[in-house]
Amino acid sequence: MNILLVSQNIALGGAQRVVINLAYYLEKFGHQVLIFSPHIDLKGVSRIAHKLNYISPNISILKKVGPSYKMLD
């Protein structure tokens, strides 16, 4: 089965580690996995992350948003 995993970024972090581990084990079970992320930084991540397949767009697809909160007194 072809599987696409989407993540806001791939770098050091808990959610990113989950995506990397999920992709790794899905590939071990014979699936073809591709990770789509606009930001990929593999410095400091586990060795298995370097064996996976990634795709990253050349343009920013994320909307830049200012602060969406206000202080309550």
Protein backbone atom coordinates (compact mmCIF):
# COMPACT_ATOMS: atom_id res chain seq x y z
CA MET A 1 0.00 0.00 0.00
CA ASN A 2 1.21 3.55 -0.77
CA ILE A 3 1.04 5.77 2.32
CA LEU A 4 1.64 9.51 2.61
CA LEU A 5 2.37 10.92 6.07
CA VAL A 6 2.10 14.69 6.48
CA SER A 7 3.94 16.63 9.16
CA GLN A 8 4.40 20.35 9.76
CA ASN A 9 8.13 19.73 10.11
CA ILE A 10 10.65 16.96 10.51
CA ALA A 11 13.29 17.81 13.10
CA LEU A 12 13.92 17.06 16.75
CA GLY A 13 10.65 16.66 18.60
CA GLY A 14 8.12 14.21 19.96
CA ALA A 15 5.50 14.39 17.20
CA GLN A 16 8.21 14.22 14.57
CA ARG A 17 9.66 11.12 16.22
CA VAL A 18 6.23 9.47 16.09
CA VAL A 19 5.96 10.20 12.34
CA ILE A 20 9.46 8.84 11.72
CA ASN A 21 8.84 5.67 13.74
CA LEU A 22 5.45 5.12 12.10
CA ALA A 23 6.98 5.46 8.63
CA TYR A 24 9.83 3.12 9.54
CA TYR A 25 7.57 0.35 10.84
CA LEU A 26 5.08 0.69 8.00
CA GLU A 27 7.98 0.20 5.58
CA LYS A 28 9.13 -2.84 7.56
CA PHE A 29 5.67 -4.34 6.95
CA GLY A 30 6.07 -3.85 3.20
CA HIS A 31 4.28 -0.55 2.60
CA GLN A 32 5.69 2.28 0.50
CA VAL A 33 5.79 5.38 2.70
CA LEU A 34 6.47 8.98 1.78
CA ILE A 35 6.70 11.80 4.34
CA PHE A 36 5.52 15.21 3.16
CA SER A 37 6.82 18.18 5.14
CA PRO A 38 7.58 21.80 4.25
CA HIS A 39 10.55 21.82 6.63
CA ILE A 40 12.99 18.90 6.94
CA ASP A 41 16.02 19.09 9.24
CA LEU A 42 17.56 15.68 9.93
CA LYS A 43 20.40 16.96 12.14
CA GLY A 44 20.28 15.15 15.46
CA VAL A 45 17.37 12.83 14.62
CA SER A 46 17.62 9.04 14.76
CA ARG A 47 19.48 7.07 12.10
CA ILE A 48 16.27 5.51 10.80
CA ALA A 49 15.07 8.98 9.76
CA HIS A 50 17.88 9.16 7.19
CA LYS A 51 16.65 5.95 5.51
CA LEU A 52 13.12 7.24 4.85
CA ASN A 53 11.69 8.98 1.78
CA TYR A 54 10.72 12.65 2.01
CA ILE A 55 9.13 15.25 -0.21
CA SER A 56 9.25 18.96 0.53
CA PRO A 57 7.65 21.74 -1.56
CA ASN A 58 9.86 24.49 -2.94
CA ILE A 59 7.37 27.12 -1.76
CA SER A 60 5.86 27.82 1.62
CA ILE A 61 2.40 26.32 1.84
CA LEU A 62 1.73 27.31 5.42
CA LYS A 63 -0.15 30.51 6.09
CA LYS A 64 1.80 32.94 8.22
CA VAL A 65 -0.37 33.80 11.18
CA GLY A 66 0.21 36.45 13.80
CA PRO A 67 -0.58 35.96 17.47
CA SER A 68 -4.11 34.63 17.88
CA TYR A 69 -4.45 35.22 21.59
CA LYS A 70 -5.04 38.12 23.94
CA MET A 71 -4.11 38.64 27.54
CA LEU A 72 -6.82 38.45 30.18
CA ASP A 73 -6.49 40.75 33.18
